[in-house]
Amino acid sequence: MQTSNRILDDLAKVAGGAASTIAGVKSEAENLIRQQLQRLLADADLVSREEFEVVKALATKARTEQEKLTARVKKLEAKLVAKKPAAKKSKPAKAKKTKKA
């Protein structure tokens, strides 16, 4: 009876050690994969999420300002057309005579 308990205890210890080893290997593999991905992303010259969000906000702001300026130009053009008097026929300028010596 003692022998079977001892065998079961040994098997439990081996299984526990194997589980611990597997967990360590898994953790190490995850770290290696993470490092490889970070290296690949750095080499690919990609931007971070934070940098992307900053540029996105700047682009949105620029677009809004551009739309406001477009509306302002249209209003100013409309005012200019409204103020412009009817085109008058202009007389051609008189040519000056030059004296010859």
N, C-alpha and C. Protein backbone atom coordinates (compact mmCIF):
# COMPACT_ATOMS: atom_id res chain seq x y z
N MET A 1 0.82 -1.18 0.00
CA MET A 1 0.00 0.00 0.00
C MET A 1 0.86 1.25 0.00
N GLN A 2 1.89 1.21 0.82
CA GLN A 2 2.80 2.35 0.89
C GLN A 2 3.49 2.57 -0.45
N THR A 3 3.78 1.48 -1.13
CA THR A 3 4.48 1.57 -2.39
C THR A 3 3.64 2.27 -3.44
N SER A 4 2.36 1.95 -3.50
CA SER A 4 1.48 2.58 -4.49
C SER A 4 1.29 4.06 -4.17
N ASN A 5 1.20 4.41 -2.88
CA ASN A 5 1.09 5.82 -2.51
C ASN A 5 2.36 6.59 -2.91
N ARG A 6 3.46 5.92 -2.68
CA ARG A 6 4.73 6.56 -3.01
C ARG A 6 4.84 6.78 -4.53
N ILE A 7 4.40 5.80 -5.30
CA ILE A 7 4.42 5.92 -6.76
C ILE A 7 3.49 7.04 -7.21
N LEU A 8 2.32 7.08 -6.61
CA LEU A 8 1.37 8.14 -6.96
C LEU A 8 1.92 9.51 -6.57
N ASP A 9 2.57 9.59 -5.43
CA ASP A 9 3.18 10.86 -5.01
C ASP A 9 4.27 11.28 -5.99
N ASP A 10 5.08 10.32 -6.40
CA ASP A 10 6.14 10.62 -7.36
C ASP A 10 5.56 11.07 -8.70
N LEU A 11 4.51 10.40 -9.13
CA LEU A 11 3.84 10.79 -10.38
C LEU A 11 3.25 12.20 -10.28
N ALA A 12 2.67 12.49 -9.13
CA ALA A 12 2.10 13.83 -8.92
C ALA A 12 3.20 14.89 -8.96
N LYS A 13 4.35 14.57 -8.34
CA LYS A 13 5.47 15.52 -8.36
C LYS A 13 5.99 15.73 -9.79
N VAL A 14 6.11 14.64 -10.52
CA VAL A 14 6.59 14.73 -11.91
C VAL A 14 5.60 15.53 -12.75
N ALA A 15 4.31 15.25 -12.57
CA ALA A 15 3.29 15.97 -13.33
C ALA A 15 3.30 17.45 -12.96
N GLY A 16 3.44 17.75 -11.69
CA GLY A 16 3.51 19.15 -11.25
C GLY A 16 4.73 19.85 -11.82
N GLY A 17 5.86 19.16 -11.81
CA GLY A 17 7.08 19.72 -12.38
C GLY A 17 6.94 19.94 -13.88
N ALA A 18 6.30 18.99 -14.55
CA ALA A 18 6.10 19.12 -16.00
C ALA A 18 5.18 20.31 -16.30
N ALA A 19 4.13 20.46 -15.51
CA ALA A 19 3.22 21.58 -15.70
C ALA A 19 3.94 22.90 -15.48
N SER A 20 4.78 22.94 -14.46
CA SER A 20 5.55 24.14 -14.18
C SER A 20 6.51 24.45 -15.33
N THR A 21 7.15 23.41 -15.83
CA THR A 21 8.09 23.58 -16.95
C THR A 21 7.35 24.06 -18.19
N ILE A 22 6.20 23.47 -18.46
CA ILE A 22 5.40 23.87 -19.62
C ILE A 22 4.97 25.32 -19.50
N ALA A 23 4.57 25.73 -18.31
CA ALA A 23 4.17 27.13 -18.10
C ALA A 23 5.36 28.06 -18.35
N GLY A 24 6.54 27.65 -17.90
CA GLY A 24 7.74 28.46 -18.13
C GLY A 24 8.08 28.56 -19.61
N VAL A 25 7.96 27.44 -20.31
CA VAL A 25 8.24 27.42 -21.75
C VAL A 25 7.23 28.30 -22.48
N LYS A 26 5.98 28.21 -22.06
CA LYS A 26 4.93 29.03 -22.69
C LYS A 26 5.24 30.50 -22.50
N SER A 27 5.60 30.88 -21.29
CA SER A 27 5.92 32.27 -20.99
C SER A 27 7.12 32.74 -21.81
N GLU A 28 8.13 31.91 -21.88
CA GLU A 28 9.33 32.25 -22.66
C GLU A 28 9.00 32.40 -24.14
N ALA A 29 8.17 31.50 -24.67
CA ALA A 29 7.77 31.57 -26.07
C ALA A 29 6.98 32.85 -26.35
N GLU A 30 6.08 33.20 -25.45
CA GLU A 30 5.31 34.44 -25.62
C GLU A 30 6.23 35.65 -25.65
N ASN A 31 7.21 35.67 -24.75
CA ASN A 31 8.15 36.79 -24.72
C ASN A 31 8.96 36.89 -26.01
N LEU A 32 9.42 35.74 -26.50
CA LEU A 32 10.19 35.73 -27.75
C LEU A 32 9.35 36.21 -28.93
N ILE A 33 8.12 35.73 -28.99
CA ILE A 33 7.23 36.14 -30.08
C ILE A 33 6.95 37.64 -29.99
N ARG A 34 6.69 38.13 -28.80
CA ARG A 34 6.43 39.55 -28.60
C ARG A 34 7.63 40.39 -29.05
N GLN A 35 8.84 39.96 -28.69
CA GLN A 35 10.04 40.68 -29.09
C GLN A 35 10.22 40.68 -30.60
N GLN A 36 9.96 39.53 -31.22
CA GLN A 36 10.08 39.45 -32.67
C GLN A 36 9.08 40.38 -33.36
N LEU A 37 7.85 40.39 -32.88
CA LEU A 37 6.84 41.27 -33.47
C LEU A 37 7.21 42.73 -33.29
N GLN A 38 7.70 43.09 -32.12
CA GLN A 38 8.11 44.48 -31.90
C GLN A 38 9.26 44.86 -32.83
N ARG A 39 10.19 43.95 -33.02
CA ARG A 39 11.31 44.21 -33.93
C ARG A 39 10.81 44.37 -35.36
N LEU A 40 9.90 43.50 -35.79
CA LEU A 40 9.34 43.59 -37.14
C LEU A 40 8.58 44.89 -37.35
N LEU A 41 7.79 45.27 -36.36
CA LEU A 41 7.04 46.51 -36.47
C LEU A 41 7.96 47.73 -36.49
N ALA A 42 9.01 47.69 -35.70
CA ALA A 42 9.97 48.79 -35.69
C ALA A 42 10.68 48.89 -37.04
N ASP A 43 11.03 47.74 -37.61
CA ASP A 43 11.69 47.73 -38.92
C ASP A 43 10.75 48.17 -40.03
N ALA A 44 9.46 47.92 -39.86
CA ALA A 44 8.47 48.30 -40.87
C ALA A 44 8.19 49.80 -40.84
N ASP A 45 8.74 50.51 -39.87
CA ASP A 45 8.58 51.96 -39.75
C ASP A 45 7.11 52.36 -39.63
N LEU A 46 6.37 51.61 -38.84
CA LEU A 46 4.97 51.93 -38.59
C LEU A 46 4.87 52.91 -37.44
N VAL A 47 3.78 53.67 -37.42
CA VAL A 47 3.58 54.62 -36.33
C VAL A 47 2.82 53.96 -35.20
N SER A 48 2.98 54.53 -34.03
CA SER A 48 2.25 54.00 -32.88
C SER A 48 0.81 54.51 -32.92
N ARG A 49 -0.03 53.92 -32.14
CA ARG A 49 -1.44 54.33 -32.07
C ARG A 49 -1.53 55.79 -31.62
N GLU A 50 -0.70 56.16 -30.64
CA GLU A 50 -0.71 57.53 -30.11
C GLU A 50 -0.35 58.53 -31.21
N GLU A 51 0.70 58.23 -31.97
CA GLU A 51 1.10 59.13 -33.07
C GLU A 51 0.00 59.22 -34.12
N PHE A 52 -0.63 58.10 -34.41
CA PHE A 52 -1.71 58.08 -35.39
C PHE A 52 -2.87 58.96 -34.95
N GLU A 53 -3.25 58.85 -33.68
CA GLU A 53 -4.36 59.64 -33.16
C GLU A 53 -4.05 61.13 -33.21
N VAL A 54 -2.80 61.50 -32.91
CA VAL A 54 -2.40 62.92 -32.96
C VAL A 54 -2.53 63.45 -34.38
N VAL A 55 -2.02 62.71 -35.35
CA VAL A 55 -2.08 63.15 -36.75
C VAL A 55 -3.53 63.18 -37.23
N LYS A 56 -4.32 62.23 -36.79
CA LYS A 56 -5.74 62.19 -37.17
C LYS A 56 -6.45 63.43 -36.65
N ALA A 57 -6.16 63.82 -35.41
CA ALA A 57 -6.77 65.02 -34.83
C ALA A 57 -6.33 66.27 -35.59
N LEU A 58 -5.06 66.33 -35.96
CA LEU A 58 -4.57 67.48 -36.73
C LEU A 58 -5.25 67.55 -38.09
N ALA A 59 -5.43 66.42 -38.74
CA ALA A 59 -6.08 66.39 -40.05
C ALA A 59 -7.54 66.82 -39.94
N THR A 60 -8.21 66.38 -38.90
CA THR A 60 -9.61 66.77 -38.68
C THR A 60 -9.71 68.28 -38.46
N LYS A 61 -8.81 68.82 -37.66
CA LYS A 61 -8.80 70.26 -37.39
C LYS A 61 -8.52 71.04 -38.68
N ALA A 62 -7.56 70.58 -39.46
CA ALA A 62 -7.23 71.25 -40.72
C ALA A 62 -8.41 71.21 -41.68
N ARG A 63 -9.10 70.09 -41.73
CA ARG A 63 -10.26 69.96 -42.61
C ARG A 63 -11.37 70.92 -42.19
N THR A 64 -11.62 71.03 -40.89
CA THR A 64 -12.64 71.95 -40.38
C THR A 64 -12.29 73.39 -40.73
N GLU A 65 -11.03 73.77 -40.52
CA GLU A 65 -10.60 75.13 -40.85
C GLU A 65 -10.72 75.39 -42.34
N GLN A 66 -10.37 74.41 -43.16
CA GLN A 66 -10.47 74.56 -44.61
C GLN A 66 -11.92 74.77 -45.03
N GLU A 67 -12.84 74.04 -44.43
CA GLU A 67 -14.26 74.20 -44.76
C GLU A 67 -14.76 75.58 -44.36
N LYS A 68 -14.32 76.08 -43.20
CA LYS A 68 -14.71 77.42 -42.76
C LYS A 68 -14.18 78.47 -43.73
N LEU A 69 -12.92 78.31 -44.13
CA LEU A 69 -12.32 79.28 -45.05
C LEU A 69 -13.00 79.24 -46.42
N THR A 70 -13.39 78.07 -46.86
CA THR A 70 -14.10 77.96 -48.14
C THR A 70 -15.43 78.70 -48.07
N ALA A 71 -16.15 78.53 -46.98
CA ALA A 71 -17.42 79.22 -46.80
C ALA A 71 -17.20 80.73 -46.75
N ARG A 72 -16.15 81.16 -46.08
CA ARG A 72 -15.84 82.60 -45.98
C ARG A 72 -15.51 83.18 -47.36
N VAL A 73 -14.74 82.47 -48.14
CA VAL A 73 -14.40 82.94 -49.48
C VAL A 73 -15.65 83.05 -50.34
N LYS A 74 -16.55 82.09 -50.24
CA LYS A 74 -17.79 82.15 -51.02
C LYS A 74 -18.62 83.38 -50.63
N LYS A 75 -18.70 83.67 -49.34
CA LYS A 75 -19.44 84.85 -48.89
C LYS A 75 -18.79 86.13 -49.42
N LEU A 76 -17.48 86.21 -49.33
CA LEU A 76 -16.78 87.39 -49.82
C LEU A 76 -16.94 87.55 -51.33
N GLU A 77 -16.90 86.46 -52.06
CA GLU A 77 -17.11 86.53 -53.51
C GLU A 77 -18.52 86.99 -53.83
N ALA A 78 -19.50 86.52 -53.06
CA ALA A 78 -20.88 86.94 -53.28
C ALA A 78 -21.03 88.44 -53.02
N LYS A 79 -20.40 88.94 -51.96
CA LYS A 79 -20.44 90.38 -51.67
C LYS A 79 -19.78 91.17 -52.79
N LEU A 80 -18.68 90.68 -53.28
CA LEU A 80 -17.95 91.36 -54.34
C LEU A 80 -18.79 91.44 -55.60
N VAL A 81 -19.46 90.38 -55.96
CA VAL A 81 -20.32 90.36 -57.14
C VAL A 81 -21.50 91.30 -56.93
N ALA A 82 -22.05 91.35 -55.73
CA ALA A 82 -23.20 92.21 -55.45
C ALA A 82 -22.81 93.68 -55.51
N LYS A 83 -21.62 94.04 -55.10
CA LYS A 83 -21.17 95.43 -55.11
C LYS A 83 -20.68 95.89 -56.47
N LYS A 84 -20.32 94.99 -57.32
CA LYS A 84 -19.74 95.33 -58.60
C LYS A 84 -20.80 96.00 -59.48
N PRO A 85 -20.54 97.26 -59.93
CA PRO A 85 -21.52 97.93 -60.79
C PRO A 85 -21.52 97.29 -62.18
N ALA A 86 -22.57 97.62 -62.93
CA ALA A 86 -22.66 97.07 -64.27
C ALA A 86 -21.44 97.53 -65.06
N ALA A 87 -20.95 96.69 -65.88
CA ALA A 87 -19.74 97.01 -66.63
C ALA A 87 -20.01 98.16 -67.59
N LYS A 88 -19.16 99.18 -67.56
CA LYS A 88 -19.28 100.34 -68.44
C LYS A 88 -18.37 100.13 -69.63
N LYS A 89 -18.83 100.68 -70.75
CA LYS A 89 -17.97 100.62 -71.92
C LYS A 89 -16.91 101.69 -71.74
N SER A 90 -15.71 101.31 -71.77
CA SER A 90 -14.65 102.30 -71.58
C SER A 90 -14.13 102.74 -72.93
N LYS A 91 -13.75 104.02 -72.98
CA LYS A 91 -13.20 104.57 -74.21
C LYS A 91 -11.73 104.20 -74.27
N PRO A 92 -11.28 103.95 -75.47
CA PRO A 92 -9.86 103.63 -75.56
C PRO A 92 -9.02 104.85 -75.18
N ALA A 93 -7.91 104.62 -74.59
CA ALA A 93 -7.04 105.71 -74.17
C ALA A 93 -6.46 106.39 -75.39
N LYS A 94 -6.33 107.73 -75.29
CA LYS A 94 -5.76 108.49 -76.40
C LYS A 94 -4.26 108.25 -76.45
N ALA A 95 -3.78 108.10 -77.64
CA ALA A 95 -2.35 107.89 -77.81
C ALA A 95 -1.65 109.23 -77.76
N LYS A 96 -0.57 109.30 -77.07
CA LYS A 96 0.20 110.54 -76.98
C LYS A 96 1.10 110.65 -78.20
N LYS A 97 1.18 111.87 -78.66
CA LYS A 97 2.06 112.11 -79.80
C LYS A 97 3.42 112.48 -79.27
N THR A 98 4.40 111.93 -79.89
CA THR A 98 5.75 112.26 -79.48
C THR A 98 6.36 113.23 -80.47
N LYS A 99 7.16 114.13 -79.98
CA LYS A 99 7.81 115.12 -80.84
C LYS A 99 9.07 114.51 -81.42
N LYS A 100 9.22 114.79 -82.69
CA LYS A 100 10.44 114.31 -83.33
C LYS A 100 11.41 115.47 -83.45
N ALA A 101 12.62 115.24 -83.27
CA ALA A 101 13.60 116.32 -83.32
C ALA A 101 14.14 116.55 -84.68
